Amino acid sequence: MKKLLITTFGLMAGWSAASAATVFQFNEAFSGGISSNLSNAAGVAATNGLFWGIIIDKDGGSLSQTTFDPIVPTFSAVVALTAGGAATDAIVVFADTFTADQSFGGAFTDVGGTTGTSGGVSAITVNYTNGILAGQTFQLIWFDSVTKTAGVLSSSEFVLPADAGNVVTVDDVFIGADPIRAATGITFIPEPSTMLLGAFGALGLLRRRR
């Protein structure tokens, strides 16, 4: 019986470690920063309802790739990015909410005396699976689904901690007045084969019209 209990608890402990997750919080009223001004590709600061998440460098280096194959933003999805059909070291973890007003009804300000407005983000849960490991760096990312582009934001705080399972506040980059940040840092383009199919389709339509 003792052996069974030990085995059961061991399995539970293993499952807990494997499923450990870190929650990243991007707002800390009064003593930190409040996120805002994450905008669409046109730089419209009052934009809400954009998909957002974090993009992780699985090799632990800086993110240098700025063009990827198209993806479909989905709440809470984990998407490995490709470029020209080939795998990259980048992976996107999507949040389960859209960008929104983070001013908390106008009652709270950040340490710089700025009230968060539209285009803010709240919190995101990151599971250490799919090659995601402690020590890897990440960037905040938000998407303009019309232009198929995304904005990225870096911070020295954006590192996956070793003590997974905790709530970590990473708000320094939002202290004070936030500049308008347009969704233009990354482009998601169709693979060449997809573009070719689209060209053939357009050619077919032209022939029909003739």
N, C-alpha and C. Protein backbone atom coordinates (compact mmCIF):
# COMPACT_ATOMS: atom_id res chain seq x y z
N MET A 1 0.84 -1.20 0.00
CA MET A 1 0.00 0.00 0.00
C MET A 1 0.87 1.25 0.00
N LYS A 2 1.94 1.23 0.83
CA LYS A 2 2.84 2.38 0.89
C LYS A 2 3.51 2.62 -0.45
N LYS A 3 3.91 1.49 -1.10
CA LYS A 3 4.56 1.61 -2.40
C LYS A 3 3.61 2.22 -3.41
N LEU A 4 2.34 1.82 -3.34
CA LEU A 4 1.34 2.36 -4.26
C LEU A 4 1.16 3.86 -4.03
N LEU A 5 1.11 4.26 -2.76
CA LEU A 5 0.96 5.67 -2.44
C LEU A 5 2.16 6.47 -2.91
N ILE A 6 3.36 5.93 -2.69
CA ILE A 6 4.58 6.61 -3.11
C ILE A 6 4.60 6.76 -4.62
N THR A 7 4.23 5.69 -5.33
CA THR A 7 4.20 5.73 -6.79
C THR A 7 3.20 6.76 -7.28
N THR A 8 2.01 6.77 -6.63
CA THR A 8 0.96 7.71 -7.03
C THR A 8 1.40 9.15 -6.82
N PHE A 9 1.97 9.42 -5.64
CA PHE A 9 2.44 10.77 -5.35
C PHE A 9 3.58 11.15 -6.28
N GLY A 10 4.42 10.17 -6.63
CA GLY A 10 5.51 10.44 -7.55
C GLY A 10 4.99 10.83 -8.91
N LEU A 11 3.97 10.13 -9.39
CA LEU A 11 3.37 10.46 -10.68
C LEU A 11 2.73 11.83 -10.64
N MET A 12 2.06 12.14 -9.52
CA MET A 12 1.42 13.45 -9.38
C MET A 12 2.47 14.55 -9.39
N ALA A 13 3.59 14.32 -8.69
CA ALA A 13 4.65 15.33 -8.65
C ALA A 13 5.25 15.53 -10.03
N GLY A 14 5.43 14.40 -10.76
CA GLY A 14 5.98 14.51 -12.11
C GLY A 14 5.05 15.25 -13.03
N TRP A 15 3.74 14.95 -12.91
CA TRP A 15 2.75 15.65 -13.75
C TRP A 15 2.73 17.13 -13.42
N SER A 16 2.84 17.46 -12.12
CA SER A 16 2.81 18.86 -11.71
C SER A 16 4.00 19.62 -12.28
N ALA A 17 5.18 18.98 -12.24
CA ALA A 17 6.37 19.65 -12.76
C ALA A 17 6.28 19.83 -14.26
N ALA A 18 5.74 18.80 -14.95
CA ALA A 18 5.66 18.86 -16.41
C ALA A 18 4.64 19.88 -16.87
N SER A 19 3.62 20.09 -16.02
CA SER A 19 2.54 20.99 -16.43
C SER A 19 2.67 22.37 -15.80
N ALA A 20 3.83 22.64 -15.16
CA ALA A 20 4.02 23.92 -14.49
C ALA A 20 3.91 25.06 -15.49
N ALA A 21 3.31 26.13 -15.05
CA ALA A 21 3.11 27.29 -15.92
C ALA A 21 3.44 28.56 -15.17
N THR A 22 3.94 29.52 -15.90
CA THR A 22 4.21 30.85 -15.35
C THR A 22 3.20 31.83 -15.91
N VAL A 23 2.64 32.67 -15.05
CA VAL A 23 1.71 33.71 -15.48
C VAL A 23 2.45 35.04 -15.50
N PHE A 24 2.48 35.68 -16.66
CA PHE A 24 3.12 36.98 -16.79
C PHE A 24 2.06 38.08 -16.76
N GLN A 25 2.21 39.01 -15.84
CA GLN A 25 1.28 40.13 -15.66
C GLN A 25 1.97 41.41 -16.13
N PHE A 26 1.31 42.15 -17.02
CA PHE A 26 1.93 43.33 -17.63
C PHE A 26 1.48 44.65 -17.02
N ASN A 27 0.75 44.59 -15.90
CA ASN A 27 0.27 45.81 -15.25
C ASN A 27 0.52 45.77 -13.75
N GLU A 28 0.94 46.90 -13.19
CA GLU A 28 1.10 47.02 -11.74
C GLU A 28 0.79 48.47 -11.36
N ALA A 29 -0.47 48.68 -11.02
CA ALA A 29 -0.94 50.04 -10.73
C ALA A 29 -0.15 50.69 -9.60
N PHE A 30 0.06 52.01 -9.74
CA PHE A 30 0.73 52.86 -8.75
C PHE A 30 2.24 52.61 -8.63
N SER A 31 2.65 51.38 -8.38
CA SER A 31 4.07 51.11 -8.14
C SER A 31 4.82 50.65 -9.37
N GLY A 32 4.11 50.45 -10.48
CA GLY A 32 4.76 49.98 -11.70
C GLY A 32 4.17 50.64 -12.93
N GLY A 33 4.06 49.89 -14.01
CA GLY A 33 3.53 50.41 -15.26
C GLY A 33 2.17 49.83 -15.60
N ILE A 34 1.44 50.52 -16.45
CA ILE A 34 0.16 50.04 -16.97
C ILE A 34 0.24 50.06 -18.49
N SER A 35 -0.03 48.93 -19.11
CA SER A 35 0.13 48.81 -20.56
C SER A 35 -0.92 49.59 -21.33
N SER A 36 -0.51 50.14 -22.48
CA SER A 36 -1.43 50.86 -23.36
C SER A 36 -0.75 51.14 -24.69
N ASN A 37 -1.55 51.62 -25.65
CA ASN A 37 -1.06 52.11 -26.94
C ASN A 37 -0.47 51.06 -27.87
N LEU A 38 -0.81 49.78 -27.68
CA LEU A 38 -0.46 48.78 -28.69
C LEU A 38 -1.50 48.94 -29.80
N SER A 39 -1.05 49.33 -30.98
CA SER A 39 -1.94 49.80 -32.03
C SER A 39 -1.94 48.89 -33.26
N ASN A 40 -2.86 49.18 -34.18
CA ASN A 40 -2.87 48.43 -35.43
C ASN A 40 -1.76 48.94 -36.34
N ALA A 41 -1.70 48.42 -37.56
CA ALA A 41 -0.61 48.79 -38.46
C ALA A 41 -0.63 50.26 -38.84
N ALA A 42 -1.81 50.88 -38.78
CA ALA A 42 -1.93 52.30 -39.11
C ALA A 42 -1.54 53.20 -37.94
N GLY A 43 -1.22 52.61 -36.80
CA GLY A 43 -0.83 53.39 -35.64
C GLY A 43 -2.00 54.03 -34.92
N VAL A 44 -3.19 53.43 -35.05
CA VAL A 44 -4.37 53.95 -34.36
C VAL A 44 -4.31 53.49 -32.91
N ALA A 45 -4.07 54.42 -32.02
CA ALA A 45 -3.83 54.08 -30.61
C ALA A 45 -5.09 53.61 -29.89
N ALA A 46 -6.25 53.98 -30.40
CA ALA A 46 -7.49 53.61 -29.72
C ALA A 46 -7.96 52.21 -30.10
N THR A 47 -7.06 51.43 -30.69
CA THR A 47 -7.44 50.09 -31.15
C THR A 47 -7.55 49.12 -29.98
N ASN A 48 -8.70 48.48 -29.87
CA ASN A 48 -8.87 47.35 -28.96
C ASN A 48 -9.23 46.14 -29.80
N GLY A 49 -9.27 44.96 -29.19
CA GLY A 49 -9.71 43.77 -29.91
C GLY A 49 -8.66 43.16 -30.82
N LEU A 50 -7.36 43.43 -30.54
CA LEU A 50 -6.30 42.79 -31.31
C LEU A 50 -5.83 41.52 -30.60
N PHE A 51 -5.56 40.47 -31.37
CA PHE A 51 -4.95 39.29 -30.78
C PHE A 51 -3.54 39.66 -30.31
N TRP A 52 -3.11 39.06 -29.22
CA TRP A 52 -1.77 39.32 -28.72
C TRP A 52 -1.23 38.10 -27.99
N GLY A 53 0.05 38.12 -27.72
CA GLY A 53 0.68 37.03 -26.99
C GLY A 53 2.14 37.33 -26.79
N ILE A 54 2.95 36.29 -26.71
CA ILE A 54 4.40 36.48 -26.65
C ILE A 54 5.04 35.60 -27.70
N ILE A 55 6.16 36.07 -28.25
CA ILE A 55 6.94 35.29 -29.21
C ILE A 55 8.25 34.93 -28.54
N ILE A 56 8.54 33.65 -28.48
CA ILE A 56 9.68 33.14 -27.71
C ILE A 56 10.79 32.68 -28.65
N ASP A 57 12.03 33.03 -28.29
CA ASP A 57 13.21 32.52 -28.97
C ASP A 57 13.63 31.22 -28.28
N LYS A 58 13.40 30.09 -28.94
CA LYS A 58 13.72 28.83 -28.29
C LYS A 58 15.22 28.58 -28.17
N ASP A 59 16.04 29.28 -28.97
CA ASP A 59 17.49 29.10 -28.86
C ASP A 59 18.10 30.04 -27.83
N GLY A 60 17.25 30.88 -27.20
CA GLY A 60 17.73 31.77 -26.15
C GLY A 60 18.40 33.03 -26.66
N GLY A 61 18.47 33.22 -27.98
CA GLY A 61 19.09 34.40 -28.54
C GLY A 61 18.08 35.49 -28.83
N SER A 62 18.52 36.55 -29.50
CA SER A 62 17.61 37.63 -29.84
C SER A 62 16.83 37.29 -31.09
N LEU A 63 15.60 37.76 -31.18
CA LEU A 63 14.75 37.47 -32.33
C LEU A 63 15.18 38.36 -33.50
N SER A 64 15.68 37.73 -34.55
CA SER A 64 16.14 38.48 -35.71
C SER A 64 15.24 38.26 -36.93
N GLN A 65 14.51 37.18 -36.94
CA GLN A 65 13.61 36.89 -38.06
C GLN A 65 12.42 37.84 -38.01
N THR A 66 12.11 38.49 -39.12
CA THR A 66 11.00 39.45 -39.14
C THR A 66 9.93 39.11 -40.18
N THR A 67 10.14 38.02 -40.94
CA THR A 67 9.15 37.59 -41.92
C THR A 67 8.87 36.11 -41.74
N PHE A 68 7.59 35.78 -41.58
CA PHE A 68 7.20 34.40 -41.35
C PHE A 68 6.05 34.02 -42.28
N ASP A 69 5.81 32.70 -42.36
CA ASP A 69 4.64 32.22 -43.09
C ASP A 69 3.39 32.58 -42.29
N PRO A 70 2.23 32.66 -42.96
CA PRO A 70 1.01 33.10 -42.27
C PRO A 70 0.56 32.13 -41.18
N ILE A 71 -0.04 32.68 -40.15
CA ILE A 71 -0.64 31.89 -39.07
C ILE A 71 -2.04 32.44 -38.79
N VAL A 72 -2.81 31.65 -38.08
CA VAL A 72 -4.16 32.07 -37.71
C VAL A 72 -4.18 32.33 -36.20
N PRO A 73 -4.25 33.59 -35.77
CA PRO A 73 -4.31 33.88 -34.33
C PRO A 73 -5.51 33.20 -33.67
N THR A 74 -5.27 32.53 -32.56
CA THR A 74 -6.31 31.80 -31.85
C THR A 74 -6.06 31.90 -30.36
N PHE A 75 -7.08 32.18 -29.59
CA PHE A 75 -6.93 32.29 -28.15
C PHE A 75 -6.23 31.05 -27.56
N SER A 76 -5.22 31.28 -26.74
CA SER A 76 -4.50 30.26 -25.97
C SER A 76 -3.73 29.26 -26.82
N ALA A 77 -3.59 29.51 -28.12
CA ALA A 77 -2.87 28.58 -28.99
C ALA A 77 -1.36 28.75 -28.83
N VAL A 78 -0.63 27.67 -29.11
CA VAL A 78 0.83 27.70 -29.16
C VAL A 78 1.23 27.33 -30.59
N VAL A 79 1.88 28.26 -31.28
CA VAL A 79 2.15 28.09 -32.71
C VAL A 79 3.65 28.20 -32.99
N ALA A 80 4.23 27.15 -33.58
CA ALA A 80 5.62 27.20 -34.03
C ALA A 80 5.66 27.90 -35.38
N LEU A 81 6.50 28.93 -35.51
CA LEU A 81 6.54 29.72 -36.73
C LEU A 81 7.48 29.12 -37.76
N THR A 82 7.09 29.24 -39.03
CA THR A 82 7.92 28.80 -40.14
C THR A 82 8.17 29.98 -41.07
N ALA A 83 9.21 29.85 -41.89
CA ALA A 83 9.53 30.88 -42.88
C ALA A 83 9.91 30.16 -44.17
N GLY A 84 9.15 30.40 -45.23
CA GLY A 84 9.39 29.70 -46.48
C GLY A 84 9.20 28.21 -46.36
N GLY A 85 8.33 27.81 -45.44
CA GLY A 85 8.06 26.39 -45.22
C GLY A 85 9.05 25.70 -44.30
N ALA A 86 10.09 26.39 -43.88
CA ALA A 86 11.11 25.80 -43.01
C ALA A 86 10.89 26.23 -41.56
N ALA A 87 11.22 25.34 -40.64
CA ALA A 87 11.06 25.63 -39.22
C ALA A 87 12.00 26.74 -38.78
N THR A 88 11.54 27.53 -37.81
CA THR A 88 12.38 28.56 -37.20
C THR A 88 12.50 28.26 -35.71
N ASP A 89 13.26 29.08 -35.00
CA ASP A 89 13.40 28.87 -33.55
C ASP A 89 12.37 29.68 -32.77
N ALA A 90 11.38 30.25 -33.47
CA ALA A 90 10.39 31.11 -32.82
C ALA A 90 9.08 30.39 -32.61
N ILE A 91 8.45 30.67 -31.49
CA ILE A 91 7.16 30.08 -31.16
C ILE A 91 6.28 31.16 -30.53
N VAL A 92 5.01 31.21 -30.93
CA VAL A 92 4.09 32.21 -30.38
C VAL A 92 3.12 31.53 -29.42
N VAL A 93 2.98 32.12 -28.24
CA VAL A 93 1.97 31.70 -27.27
C VAL A 93 0.92 32.80 -27.23
N PHE A 94 -0.31 32.49 -27.62
CA PHE A 94 -1.37 33.48 -27.65
C PHE A 94 -2.06 33.60 -26.30
N ALA A 95 -2.45 34.83 -25.95
CA ALA A 95 -3.22 35.07 -24.73
C ALA A 95 -4.67 34.63 -24.95
N ASP A 96 -5.43 34.60 -23.88
CA ASP A 96 -6.84 34.21 -23.99
C ASP A 96 -7.77 35.43 -23.99
N THR A 97 -7.20 36.62 -24.22
CA THR A 97 -8.00 37.85 -24.29
C THR A 97 -7.47 38.72 -25.43
N PHE A 98 -8.29 39.69 -25.85
CA PHE A 98 -7.86 40.69 -26.81
C PHE A 98 -7.16 41.84 -26.08
N THR A 99 -6.47 42.70 -26.83
CA THR A 99 -6.00 43.96 -26.25
C THR A 99 -7.23 44.78 -25.85
N ALA A 100 -7.10 45.56 -24.78
CA ALA A 100 -8.26 46.29 -24.26
C ALA A 100 -7.79 47.47 -23.42
N ASP A 101 -8.75 48.23 -22.93
CA ASP A 101 -8.48 49.35 -22.04
C ASP A 101 -7.94 48.83 -20.71
N GLN A 102 -6.77 49.28 -20.31
CA GLN A 102 -6.16 48.85 -19.05
C GLN A 102 -6.15 49.96 -18.00
N SER A 103 -7.02 50.95 -18.17
CA SER A 103 -7.04 52.07 -17.22
C SER A 103 -7.83 51.74 -15.96
N PHE A 104 -8.46 50.55 -15.93
CA PHE A 104 -9.24 50.13 -14.76
C PHE A 104 -10.30 51.17 -14.41
N GLY A 105 -10.95 51.68 -15.44
CA GLY A 105 -12.01 52.65 -15.22
C GLY A 105 -11.49 54.05 -14.92
N GLY A 106 -10.20 54.27 -15.11
CA GLY A 106 -9.62 55.59 -14.87
C GLY A 106 -9.25 55.84 -13.42
N ALA A 107 -9.42 54.83 -12.57
CA ALA A 107 -9.16 55.02 -11.15
C ALA A 107 -7.70 54.81 -10.77
N PHE A 108 -6.93 54.13 -11.64
CA PHE A 108 -5.56 53.81 -11.30
C PHE A 108 -4.58 54.41 -12.30
N THR A 109 -3.41 54.77 -11.83
CA THR A 109 -2.34 55.24 -12.70
C THR A 109 -1.08 54.43 -12.42
N ASP A 110 -0.08 54.57 -13.30
CA ASP A 110 1.17 53.87 -13.03
C ASP A 110 2.11 54.79 -12.26
N VAL A 111 3.33 54.32 -12.01
CA VAL A 111 4.25 55.07 -11.18
C VAL A 111 4.64 56.41 -11.81
N GLY A 112 4.46 56.53 -13.13
CA GLY A 112 4.76 57.79 -13.80
C GLY A 112 3.59 58.73 -13.86
N GLY A 113 2.46 58.33 -13.25
CA GLY A 113 1.28 59.17 -13.23
C GLY A 113 0.45 59.08 -14.49
N THR A 114 0.70 58.05 -15.33
CA THR A 114 -0.03 57.87 -16.58
C THR A 114 -1.12 56.84 -16.42
N THR A 115 -2.31 57.16 -16.91
CA THR A 115 -3.41 56.19 -16.88
C THR A 115 -3.41 55.39 -18.16
N GLY A 116 -3.44 54.08 -18.05
CA GLY A 116 -3.47 53.22 -19.22
C GLY A 116 -4.75 53.45 -20.02
N THR A 117 -4.64 53.43 -21.32
CA THR A 117 -5.82 53.61 -22.17
C THR A 117 -5.98 52.39 -23.08
N SER A 118 -6.62 52.58 -24.22
CA SER A 118 -6.85 51.47 -25.13
C SER A 118 -5.54 50.85 -25.62
N GLY A 119 -5.63 49.60 -26.06
CA GLY A 119 -4.46 48.92 -26.57
C GLY A 119 -3.55 48.36 -25.50
N GLY A 120 -4.11 47.99 -24.36
CA GLY A 120 -3.32 47.40 -23.29
C GLY A 120 -3.48 45.89 -23.26
N VAL A 121 -2.61 45.24 -22.50
CA VAL A 121 -2.68 43.79 -22.35
C VAL A 121 -2.73 43.46 -20.86
N SER A 122 -3.24 42.30 -20.55
CA SER A 122 -3.41 41.93 -19.15
C SER A 122 -2.38 40.90 -18.72
N ALA A 123 -2.73 39.64 -18.77
CA ALA A 123 -1.82 38.59 -18.33
C ALA A 123 -1.88 37.42 -19.30
N ILE A 124 -0.81 36.62 -19.30
CA ILE A 124 -0.75 35.46 -20.18
C ILE A 124 -0.11 34.30 -19.43
N THR A 125 -0.61 33.10 -19.67
CA THR A 125 -0.08 31.90 -19.05
C THR A 125 0.81 31.16 -20.03
N VAL A 126 2.03 30.82 -19.59
CA VAL A 126 2.98 30.13 -20.44
C VAL A 126 3.34 28.78 -19.81
N ASN A 127 3.01 27.70 -20.52
CA ASN A 127 3.37 26.36 -20.08
C ASN A 127 4.75 26.00 -20.62
N TYR A 128 5.56 25.36 -19.82
CA TYR A 128 6.90 24.98 -20.25
C TYR A 128 6.83 23.65 -21.00
N THR A 129 6.26 23.71 -22.19
CA THR A 129 6.16 22.56 -23.08
C THR A 129 6.51 23.03 -24.49
N ASN A 130 6.49 22.12 -25.47
CA ASN A 130 6.76 22.47 -26.87
C ASN A 130 8.12 23.15 -27.05
N GLY A 131 9.10 22.74 -26.25
CA GLY A 131 10.43 23.31 -26.38
C GLY A 131 10.62 24.62 -25.65
N ILE A 132 9.62 25.04 -24.88
CA ILE A 132 9.72 26.28 -24.10
C ILE A 132 10.43 25.96 -22.78
N LEU A 133 11.52 26.68 -22.51
CA LEU A 133 12.34 26.38 -21.34
C LEU A 133 12.71 27.66 -20.59
N ALA A 134 13.07 27.49 -19.33
CA ALA A 134 13.55 28.61 -18.53
C ALA A 134 14.81 29.21 -19.15
N GLY A 135 14.94 30.53 -19.07
CA GLY A 135 16.10 31.21 -19.60
C GLY A 135 15.91 31.75 -21.00
N GLN A 136 14.88 31.27 -21.70
CA GLN A 136 14.63 31.77 -23.05
C GLN A 136 14.03 33.18 -22.99
N THR A 137 14.38 33.99 -23.95
CA THR A 137 13.86 35.35 -24.00
C THR A 137 12.59 35.39 -24.84
N PHE A 138 11.78 36.41 -24.58
CA PHE A 138 10.56 36.56 -25.37
C PHE A 138 10.28 38.03 -25.62
N GLN A 139 9.36 38.28 -26.54
CA GLN A 139 8.90 39.63 -26.82
C GLN A 139 7.37 39.63 -26.80
N LEU A 140 6.81 40.75 -26.44
CA LEU A 140 5.36 40.92 -26.53
C LEU A 140 5.02 41.10 -28.01
N ILE A 141 3.94 40.48 -28.47
CA ILE A 141 3.55 40.57 -29.87
C ILE A 141 2.05 40.79 -29.98
N TRP A 142 1.63 41.65 -30.92
CA TRP A 142 0.21 41.88 -31.15
C TRP A 142 -0.03 41.97 -32.65
N PHE A 143 -1.23 41.58 -33.10
CA PHE A 143 -1.49 41.31 -34.51
C PHE A 143 -2.54 42.23 -35.13
N ASP A 144 -2.23 42.70 -36.34
CA ASP A 144 -3.22 43.36 -37.18
C ASP A 144 -3.64 42.34 -38.22
N SER A 145 -4.82 41.75 -38.06
CA SER A 145 -5.26 40.68 -38.95
C SER A 145 -5.61 41.17 -40.35
N VAL A 146 -5.79 42.47 -40.51
CA VAL A 146 -6.11 43.02 -41.84
C VAL A 146 -4.85 43.09 -42.71
N THR A 147 -3.78 43.62 -42.16
CA THR A 147 -2.54 43.77 -42.92
C THR A 147 -1.61 42.56 -42.80
N LYS A 148 -1.97 41.60 -41.93
CA LYS A 148 -1.13 40.41 -41.69
C LYS A 148 0.25 40.79 -41.17
N THR A 149 0.28 41.78 -40.31
CA THR A 149 1.53 42.21 -39.69
C THR A 149 1.36 42.20 -38.17
N ALA A 150 2.49 42.29 -37.48
CA ALA A 150 2.45 42.29 -36.01
C ALA A 150 3.50 43.22 -35.46
N GLY A 151 3.21 43.78 -34.29
CA GLY A 151 4.18 44.59 -33.58
C GLY A 151 4.87 43.76 -32.52
N VAL A 152 6.11 44.08 -32.22
CA VAL A 152 6.85 43.38 -31.17
C VAL A 152 7.48 44.39 -30.22
N LEU A 153 7.55 44.02 -28.96
CA LEU A 153 8.10 44.91 -27.94
C LEU A 153 9.03 44.10 -27.04
N SER A 154 10.24 44.60 -26.86
CA SER A 154 11.25 43.92 -26.05
C SER A 154 11.42 44.60 -24.69
N SER A 155 11.93 43.84 -23.73
CA SER A 155 12.28 44.37 -22.42
C SER A 155 13.29 43.44 -21.77
N SER A 156 14.19 43.99 -20.98
CA SER A 156 15.16 43.15 -20.27
C SER A 156 14.47 42.22 -19.27
N GLU A 157 13.23 42.54 -18.91
CA GLU A 157 12.46 41.70 -17.98
C GLU A 157 11.90 40.46 -18.66
N PHE A 158 11.84 40.47 -19.98
CA PHE A 158 11.14 39.41 -20.71
C PHE A 158 12.03 38.17 -20.85
N VAL A 159 12.18 37.44 -19.75
CA VAL A 159 12.94 36.19 -19.72
C VAL A 159 12.13 35.17 -18.94
N LEU A 160 12.05 33.94 -19.45
CA LEU A 160 11.30 32.89 -18.75
C LEU A 160 12.06 32.47 -17.50
N PRO A 161 11.44 32.58 -16.32
CA PRO A 161 12.13 32.26 -15.07
C PRO A 161 12.26 30.77 -14.84
N ALA A 162 13.21 30.40 -13.99
CA ALA A 162 13.42 29.00 -13.67
C ALA A 162 12.32 28.46 -12.77
N ASP A 163 11.76 29.32 -11.92
CA ASP A 163 10.73 28.88 -10.97
C ASP A 163 9.34 28.96 -11.60
N ALA A 164 9.10 28.07 -12.57
CA ALA A 164 7.80 28.03 -13.22
C ALA A 164 6.71 27.73 -12.19
N GLY A 165 5.54 28.29 -12.40
CA GLY A 165 4.43 28.07 -11.49
C GLY A 165 4.05 29.32 -10.73
N ASN A 166 4.81 30.38 -10.88
CA ASN A 166 4.54 31.63 -10.17
C ASN A 166 3.90 32.68 -11.07
N VAL A 167 3.44 33.76 -10.46
CA VAL A 167 2.95 34.93 -11.18
C VAL A 167 4.08 35.95 -11.19
N VAL A 168 4.50 36.37 -12.39
CA VAL A 168 5.62 37.28 -12.54
C VAL A 168 5.12 38.58 -13.17
N THR A 169 5.42 39.71 -12.55
CA THR A 169 5.03 41.01 -13.09
C THR A 169 6.18 41.57 -13.93
N VAL A 170 5.88 41.87 -15.20
CA VAL A 170 6.88 42.41 -16.13
C VAL A 170 6.31 43.68 -16.76
N ASP A 171 6.38 44.76 -16.02
CA ASP A 171 5.67 45.99 -16.40
C ASP A 171 6.58 47.20 -16.59
N ASP A 172 7.90 47.05 -16.38
CA ASP A 172 8.79 48.21 -16.42
C ASP A 172 8.72 48.97 -17.74
N VAL A 173 8.56 48.23 -18.84
CA VAL A 173 8.56 48.86 -20.16
C VAL A 173 7.36 49.79 -20.34
N PHE A 174 6.34 49.65 -19.48
CA PHE A 174 5.14 50.48 -19.59
C PHE A 174 5.07 51.61 -18.57
N ILE A 175 6.14 51.81 -17.80
CA ILE A 175 6.14 52.89 -16.81
C ILE A 175 6.16 54.25 -17.53
N GLY A 176 5.29 55.15 -17.09
CA GLY A 176 5.21 56.47 -17.71
C GLY A 176 4.35 56.46 -18.95
N ALA A 177 4.42 57.54 -19.73
CA ALA A 177 3.60 57.66 -20.95
C ALA A 177 4.08 56.68 -22.01
N ASP A 178 3.15 55.88 -22.53
CA ASP A 178 3.49 54.89 -23.56
C ASP A 178 3.39 55.52 -24.95
N PRO A 179 4.42 55.38 -25.77
CA PRO A 179 4.31 55.86 -27.15
C PRO A 179 3.35 54.97 -27.94
N ILE A 180 2.85 55.47 -29.05
CA ILE A 180 2.03 54.64 -29.92
C ILE A 180 2.93 53.60 -30.57
N ARG A 181 2.58 52.35 -30.43
CA ARG A 181 3.38 51.26 -30.99
C ARG A 181 2.55 50.55 -32.06
N ALA A 182 2.93 50.75 -33.32
CA ALA A 182 2.16 50.19 -34.43
C ALA A 182 2.54 48.73 -34.68
N ALA A 183 1.59 47.97 -35.22
CA ALA A 183 1.80 46.55 -35.50
C ALA A 183 2.51 46.38 -36.84
N THR A 184 3.79 46.75 -36.88
CA THR A 184 4.53 46.72 -38.14
C THR A 184 5.90 46.05 -38.02
N GLY A 185 6.20 45.39 -36.93
CA GLY A 185 7.54 44.82 -36.75
C GLY A 185 7.76 43.50 -37.46
N ILE A 186 6.69 42.72 -37.68
CA ILE A 186 6.80 41.40 -38.30
C ILE A 186 5.76 41.29 -39.40
N THR A 187 6.13 40.62 -40.49
CA THR A 187 5.20 40.41 -41.60
C THR A 187 4.95 38.92 -41.79
N PHE A 188 3.71 38.55 -41.98
CA PHE A 188 3.34 37.15 -42.23
C PHE A 188 2.87 37.04 -43.68
N ILE A 189 3.69 36.43 -44.52
CA ILE A 189 3.38 36.33 -45.94
C ILE A 189 3.10 34.89 -46.32
N PRO A 190 2.30 34.69 -47.39
CA PRO A 190 2.02 33.31 -47.85
C PRO A 190 3.29 32.63 -48.34
N GLU A 191 3.33 31.30 -48.23
CA GLU A 191 4.44 30.56 -48.81
C GLU A 191 4.41 30.71 -50.32
N PRO A 192 5.57 30.57 -50.99
CA PRO A 192 5.60 30.70 -52.45
C PRO A 192 4.58 29.83 -53.18
N SER A 193 4.38 28.60 -52.72
CA SER A 193 3.42 27.70 -53.36
C SER A 193 2.00 28.24 -53.25
N THR A 194 1.69 28.83 -52.10
CA THR A 194 0.36 29.41 -51.90
C THR A 194 0.17 30.63 -52.79
N MET A 195 1.21 31.44 -52.91
CA MET A 195 1.14 32.61 -53.77
C MET A 195 0.95 32.19 -55.23
N LEU A 196 1.62 31.09 -55.62
CA LEU A 196 1.51 30.60 -56.99
C LEU A 196 0.11 30.13 -57.29
N LEU A 197 -0.49 29.42 -56.32
CA LEU A 197 -1.87 28.97 -56.49
C LEU A 197 -2.81 30.16 -56.64
N GLY A 198 -2.56 31.21 -55.85
CA GLY A 198 -3.37 32.41 -55.94
C GLY A 198 -3.25 33.06 -57.30
N ALA A 199 -2.05 33.05 -57.87
CA ALA A 199 -1.83 33.63 -59.19
C ALA A 199 -2.56 32.84 -60.26
N PHE A 200 -2.52 31.51 -60.16
CA PHE A 200 -3.24 30.67 -61.12
C PHE A 200 -4.74 30.91 -61.03
N GLY A 201 -5.23 31.10 -59.79
CA GLY A 201 -6.65 31.36 -59.60
C GLY A 201 -7.07 32.66 -60.26
N ALA A 202 -6.23 33.70 -60.09
CA ALA A 202 -6.52 35.00 -60.70
C ALA A 202 -6.48 34.90 -62.22
N LEU A 203 -5.54 34.10 -62.75
CA LEU A 203 -5.44 33.92 -64.20
C LEU A 203 -6.68 33.23 -64.74
N GLY A 204 -7.19 32.25 -63.97
CA GLY A 204 -8.41 31.56 -64.39
C GLY A 204 -9.60 32.50 -64.46
N LEU A 205 -9.70 33.41 -63.48
CA LEU A 205 -10.80 34.38 -63.49
C LEU A 205 -10.72 35.30 -64.69
N LEU A 206 -9.51 35.71 -65.04
CA LEU A 206 -9.34 36.59 -66.20
C LEU A 206 -9.77 35.90 -67.49
N ARG A 207 -9.42 34.61 -67.62
CA ARG A 207 -9.79 33.85 -68.81
C ARG A 207 -11.32 33.71 -68.92
N ARG A 208 -11.96 33.51 -67.76
CA ARG A 208 -13.43 33.36 -67.76
C ARG A 208 -14.08 34.65 -68.21
N ARG A 209 -13.54 35.77 -67.75
CA ARG A 209 -14.14 37.07 -68.12
C ARG A 209 -14.00 37.33 -69.61
N ARG A 210 -12.91 36.86 -70.23
CA ARG A 210 -12.74 37.04 -71.66
C ARG A 210 -13.74 36.19 -72.44
